[in-house]
Amino acid sequence: MSAFTKTQSIGQFMNAMNLSSIELLEREKDGITTRFIPLGNDEYARVSNKLTALSGETQVSWFTPDDGEPSWMFHPKGEGGATVVSKFTLGSAVEKSI
């Protein structure tokens, strides 16, 4: 199963990588459009299909696919393949004496 780890904001990622700017690039080859982000030193990050523009809400995660090489992936905040199916918060339960 693919996994997202080390998720951080785009600003935190840029600071950690010592980047002052990044560009979202798009290339079409043989009728297939691919989007990617160059990180320098011949390194590139993946881009989620759901991400249409970079913003302060963009997040970056270390993405380990089922097949292929792991790499950084830029994606909209909240995307990560997980769905909340249940949540419990302290204080939300009311204890009753019987």
N, C-alpha and C. Protein backbone atom coordinates (compact mmCIF):
# COMPACT_ATOMS: atom_id res chain seq x y z
N MET A 1 0.84 -1.18 0.00
CA MET A 1 0.00 0.00 0.00
C MET A 1 0.88 1.24 0.00
N SER A 2 0.57 2.20 -0.84
CA SER A 2 1.31 3.45 -0.90
C SER A 2 1.21 4.19 0.42
N ALA A 3 2.26 4.94 0.77
CA ALA A 3 2.26 5.63 2.06
C ALA A 3 2.77 7.06 1.93
N PHE A 4 2.15 7.97 2.70
CA PHE A 4 2.59 9.35 2.82
C PHE A 4 3.17 9.50 4.23
N THR A 5 4.40 10.01 4.34
CA THR A 5 5.02 10.29 5.63
C THR A 5 5.73 11.63 5.56
N LYS A 6 6.22 12.09 6.68
CA LYS A 6 6.98 13.36 6.77
C LYS A 6 6.22 14.55 6.19
N THR A 7 4.90 14.56 6.33
CA THR A 7 4.08 15.63 5.77
C THR A 7 4.39 16.96 6.45
N GLN A 8 4.53 18.00 5.63
CA GLN A 8 4.86 19.34 6.12
C GLN A 8 4.29 20.39 5.17
N SER A 9 4.27 21.62 5.63
CA SER A 9 3.78 22.71 4.78
C SER A 9 4.81 22.99 3.69
N ILE A 10 4.36 23.66 2.65
CA ILE A 10 5.28 24.02 1.57
C ILE A 10 6.39 24.93 2.08
N GLY A 11 6.06 25.83 3.03
CA GLY A 11 7.07 26.73 3.60
C GLY A 11 8.12 25.97 4.40
N GLN A 12 7.67 25.02 5.22
CA GLN A 12 8.62 24.21 6.00
C GLN A 12 9.54 23.42 5.07
N PHE A 13 8.97 22.86 4.01
CA PHE A 13 9.75 22.09 3.05
C PHE A 13 10.80 22.97 2.37
N MET A 14 10.39 24.15 1.92
CA MET A 14 11.32 25.06 1.24
C MET A 14 12.45 25.48 2.17
N ASN A 15 12.12 25.77 3.44
CA ASN A 15 13.17 26.12 4.40
C ASN A 15 14.14 24.97 4.61
N ALA A 16 13.61 23.76 4.78
CA ALA A 16 14.46 22.59 5.01
C ALA A 16 15.35 22.29 3.82
N MET A 17 14.84 22.54 2.60
CA MET A 17 15.60 22.26 1.38
C MET A 17 16.42 23.48 0.92
N ASN A 18 16.32 24.58 1.67
CA ASN A 18 17.03 25.82 1.34
C ASN A 18 16.64 26.34 -0.06
N LEU A 19 15.34 26.37 -0.32
CA LEU A 19 14.82 26.85 -1.59
C LEU A 19 14.13 28.18 -1.39
N SER A 20 14.42 29.15 -2.23
CA SER A 20 13.76 30.45 -2.12
C SER A 20 12.54 30.53 -3.02
N SER A 21 12.45 29.66 -4.02
CA SER A 21 11.28 29.61 -4.89
C SER A 21 11.19 28.21 -5.50
N ILE A 22 9.99 27.87 -5.91
CA ILE A 22 9.79 26.60 -6.63
C ILE A 22 8.81 26.86 -7.76
N GLU A 23 8.86 26.02 -8.77
CA GLU A 23 7.99 26.15 -9.93
C GLU A 23 7.27 24.84 -10.19
N LEU A 24 5.99 24.94 -10.50
CA LEU A 24 5.20 23.80 -10.91
C LEU A 24 5.26 23.78 -12.44
N LEU A 25 5.88 22.75 -12.99
CA LEU A 25 6.06 22.66 -14.44
C LEU A 25 5.14 21.59 -15.02
N GLU A 26 4.80 21.78 -16.29
CA GLU A 26 3.94 20.83 -16.98
C GLU A 26 4.56 20.53 -18.34
N ARG A 27 4.55 19.25 -18.69
CA ARG A 27 5.13 18.83 -19.97
C ARG A 27 4.18 17.82 -20.61
N GLU A 28 3.97 17.97 -21.92
CA GLU A 28 3.16 17.00 -22.65
C GLU A 28 4.07 16.22 -23.59
N LYS A 29 3.93 14.91 -23.52
CA LYS A 29 4.72 14.03 -24.38
C LYS A 29 3.84 12.86 -24.78
N ASP A 30 3.73 12.63 -26.05
CA ASP A 30 2.92 11.53 -26.58
C ASP A 30 1.48 11.58 -26.08
N GLY A 31 0.93 12.79 -25.95
CA GLY A 31 -0.44 12.95 -25.53
C GLY A 31 -0.67 12.82 -24.03
N ILE A 32 0.40 12.62 -23.26
CA ILE A 32 0.28 12.49 -21.80
C ILE A 32 0.88 13.73 -21.15
N THR A 33 0.10 14.39 -20.31
CA THR A 33 0.57 15.58 -19.60
C THR A 33 1.08 15.17 -18.22
N THR A 34 2.29 15.61 -17.92
CA THR A 34 2.91 15.31 -16.63
C THR A 34 3.26 16.62 -15.95
N ARG A 35 2.95 16.72 -14.65
CA ARG A 35 3.35 17.89 -13.86
C ARG A 35 4.39 17.46 -12.84
N PHE A 36 5.37 18.33 -12.60
CA PHE A 36 6.45 18.01 -11.69
C PHE A 36 7.07 19.30 -11.15
N ILE A 37 7.87 19.16 -10.10
CA ILE A 37 8.54 20.30 -9.49
C ILE A 37 10.02 19.99 -9.40
N PRO A 38 10.86 20.77 -10.11
CA PRO A 38 12.31 20.56 -9.98
C PRO A 38 12.81 21.06 -8.63
N LEU A 39 13.64 20.24 -7.98
CA LEU A 39 14.19 20.59 -6.67
C LEU A 39 15.67 20.94 -6.75
N GLY A 40 16.25 20.88 -7.93
CA GLY A 40 17.68 21.13 -8.11
C GLY A 40 18.46 19.84 -8.07
N ASN A 41 19.71 19.89 -8.52
CA ASN A 41 20.59 18.71 -8.51
C ASN A 41 19.93 17.51 -9.19
N ASP A 42 19.21 17.75 -10.29
CA ASP A 42 18.53 16.69 -11.05
C ASP A 42 17.52 15.91 -10.22
N GLU A 43 16.96 16.51 -9.18
CA GLU A 43 15.90 15.90 -8.38
C GLU A 43 14.57 16.56 -8.73
N TYR A 44 13.52 15.74 -8.75
CA TYR A 44 12.19 16.24 -9.06
C TYR A 44 11.19 15.68 -8.07
N ALA A 45 10.17 16.46 -7.76
CA ALA A 45 9.09 16.01 -6.89
C ALA A 45 7.87 15.69 -7.73
N ARG A 46 7.08 14.75 -7.26
CA ARG A 46 5.81 14.42 -7.90
C ARG A 46 4.78 15.48 -7.54
N VAL A 47 3.71 15.52 -8.32
CA VAL A 47 2.62 16.46 -8.07
C VAL A 47 1.31 15.68 -8.14
N SER A 48 0.48 15.80 -7.12
CA SER A 48 -0.83 15.17 -7.10
C SER A 48 -1.67 15.67 -8.26
N ASN A 49 -2.49 14.80 -8.81
CA ASN A 49 -3.41 15.21 -9.88
C ASN A 49 -4.41 16.25 -9.40
N LYS A 50 -4.64 16.31 -8.08
CA LYS A 50 -5.60 17.25 -7.51
C LYS A 50 -5.02 18.64 -7.30
N LEU A 51 -3.71 18.79 -7.42
CA LEU A 51 -3.06 20.08 -7.20
C LEU A 51 -2.99 20.85 -8.52
N THR A 52 -3.64 22.00 -8.56
CA THR A 52 -3.65 22.80 -9.78
C THR A 52 -2.76 24.03 -9.69
N ALA A 53 -2.43 24.47 -8.48
CA ALA A 53 -1.58 25.64 -8.28
C ALA A 53 -0.92 25.55 -6.90
N LEU A 54 0.26 26.11 -6.78
CA LEU A 54 0.97 26.15 -5.50
C LEU A 54 0.42 27.30 -4.66
N SER A 55 0.25 27.05 -3.36
CA SER A 55 -0.23 28.10 -2.45
C SER A 55 0.25 27.77 -1.05
N GLY A 56 -0.07 28.63 -0.11
CA GLY A 56 0.29 28.40 1.29
C GLY A 56 -0.41 27.18 1.88
N GLU A 57 -1.46 26.70 1.23
CA GLU A 57 -2.19 25.51 1.68
C GLU A 57 -1.56 24.22 1.14
N THR A 58 -0.61 24.34 0.23
CA THR A 58 0.04 23.16 -0.35
C THR A 58 0.87 22.45 0.71
N GLN A 59 0.80 21.14 0.71
CA GLN A 59 1.62 20.34 1.61
C GLN A 59 2.54 19.44 0.79
N VAL A 60 3.60 18.97 1.46
CA VAL A 60 4.58 18.10 0.82
C VAL A 60 4.77 16.88 1.72
N SER A 61 4.74 15.71 1.11
CA SER A 61 4.92 14.46 1.86
C SER A 61 5.93 13.58 1.15
N TRP A 62 6.62 12.75 1.93
CA TRP A 62 7.48 11.71 1.35
C TRP A 62 6.54 10.59 0.93
N PHE A 63 6.52 10.29 -0.35
CA PHE A 63 5.57 9.34 -0.92
C PHE A 63 6.30 8.06 -1.32
N THR A 64 5.85 6.94 -0.77
CA THR A 64 6.41 5.64 -1.11
C THR A 64 5.34 4.85 -1.85
N PRO A 65 5.48 4.73 -3.18
CA PRO A 65 4.46 4.02 -3.96
C PRO A 65 4.60 2.50 -3.81
N ASP A 66 3.56 1.79 -4.22
CA ASP A 66 3.62 0.33 -4.21
C ASP A 66 4.73 -0.18 -5.12
N ASP A 67 4.91 0.50 -6.23
CA ASP A 67 5.98 0.14 -7.15
C ASP A 67 6.65 1.44 -7.61
N GLY A 68 7.90 1.42 -7.84
CA GLY A 68 8.62 2.62 -8.23
C GLY A 68 9.41 3.20 -7.08
N GLU A 69 10.05 4.30 -7.35
CA GLU A 69 10.95 4.94 -6.39
C GLU A 69 10.21 5.93 -5.49
N PRO A 70 10.53 5.96 -4.20
CA PRO A 70 9.95 6.98 -3.32
C PRO A 70 10.46 8.37 -3.70
N SER A 71 9.66 9.38 -3.44
CA SER A 71 10.05 10.76 -3.72
C SER A 71 9.11 11.69 -2.97
N TRP A 72 9.41 12.98 -3.00
CA TRP A 72 8.53 13.97 -2.41
C TRP A 72 7.33 14.16 -3.33
N MET A 73 6.15 14.41 -2.73
CA MET A 73 4.96 14.71 -3.50
C MET A 73 4.29 15.95 -2.94
N PHE A 74 3.97 16.89 -3.83
CA PHE A 74 3.23 18.10 -3.49
C PHE A 74 1.75 17.79 -3.68
N HIS A 75 0.92 18.16 -2.70
CA HIS A 75 -0.50 17.84 -2.76
C HIS A 75 -1.31 18.85 -1.97
N PRO A 76 -2.62 18.92 -2.23
CA PRO A 76 -3.47 19.82 -1.45
C PRO A 76 -3.50 19.39 0.02
N LYS A 77 -3.67 20.32 0.90
CA LYS A 77 -3.75 20.03 2.33
C LYS A 77 -4.87 19.03 2.59
N GLY A 78 -4.55 18.03 3.39
CA GLY A 78 -5.53 17.04 3.76
C GLY A 78 -5.51 15.79 2.90
N GLU A 79 -4.90 15.85 1.73
CA GLU A 79 -4.85 14.67 0.88
C GLU A 79 -3.74 13.76 1.39
N GLY A 80 -3.99 12.51 1.45
CA GLY A 80 -2.98 11.58 1.90
C GLY A 80 -3.48 10.15 1.84
N GLY A 81 -4.63 10.00 1.26
CA GLY A 81 -5.14 8.67 1.07
C GLY A 81 -5.92 8.11 2.25
N ALA A 82 -6.00 8.85 3.35
CA ALA A 82 -6.70 8.34 4.52
C ALA A 82 -8.05 9.03 4.68
N THR A 83 -9.01 8.29 5.17
CA THR A 83 -10.33 8.82 5.44
C THR A 83 -10.65 8.60 6.91
N VAL A 84 -11.08 9.64 7.60
CA VAL A 84 -11.46 9.49 9.01
C VAL A 84 -12.76 8.70 9.05
N VAL A 85 -12.75 7.59 9.74
CA VAL A 85 -13.95 6.77 9.86
C VAL A 85 -14.57 6.89 11.25
N SER A 86 -13.79 7.37 12.20
CA SER A 86 -14.31 7.56 13.55
C SER A 86 -13.37 8.49 14.30
N LYS A 87 -13.92 9.24 15.25
CA LYS A 87 -13.10 10.15 16.03
C LYS A 87 -13.63 10.21 17.45
N PHE A 88 -12.73 10.23 18.43
CA PHE A 88 -13.10 10.37 19.83
C PHE A 88 -12.22 11.45 20.42
N THR A 89 -12.81 12.40 21.11
CA THR A 89 -12.08 13.49 21.72
C THR A 89 -12.36 13.48 23.22
N LEU A 90 -11.32 13.64 24.02
CA LEU A 90 -11.53 13.71 25.46
C LEU A 90 -12.49 14.85 25.76
N GLY A 91 -13.42 14.58 26.61
CA GLY A 91 -14.42 15.59 26.93
C GLY A 91 -15.69 15.43 26.12
N SER A 92 -15.63 14.65 25.05
CA SER A 92 -16.84 14.47 24.25
C SER A 92 -17.73 13.39 24.84
N ALA A 93 -17.16 12.53 25.67
CA ALA A 93 -17.97 11.49 26.30
C ALA A 93 -18.53 12.02 27.61
N VAL A 94 -19.77 11.75 27.83
CA VAL A 94 -20.41 12.18 29.06
C VAL A 94 -20.63 10.93 29.92
N GLU A 95 -20.02 10.95 31.11
CA GLU A 95 -20.19 9.81 32.01
C GLU A 95 -21.47 10.01 32.80
N LYS A 96 -22.23 8.95 32.88
CA LYS A 96 -23.49 9.00 33.63
C LYS A 96 -23.43 8.00 34.74
N SER A 97 -23.91 8.40 35.90
CA SER A 97 -24.02 7.48 37.04
C SER A 97 -25.33 6.72 36.93
N ILE A 98 -25.23 5.47 37.20
CA ILE A 98 -26.45 4.66 37.15
C ILE A 98 -26.86 4.31 38.56
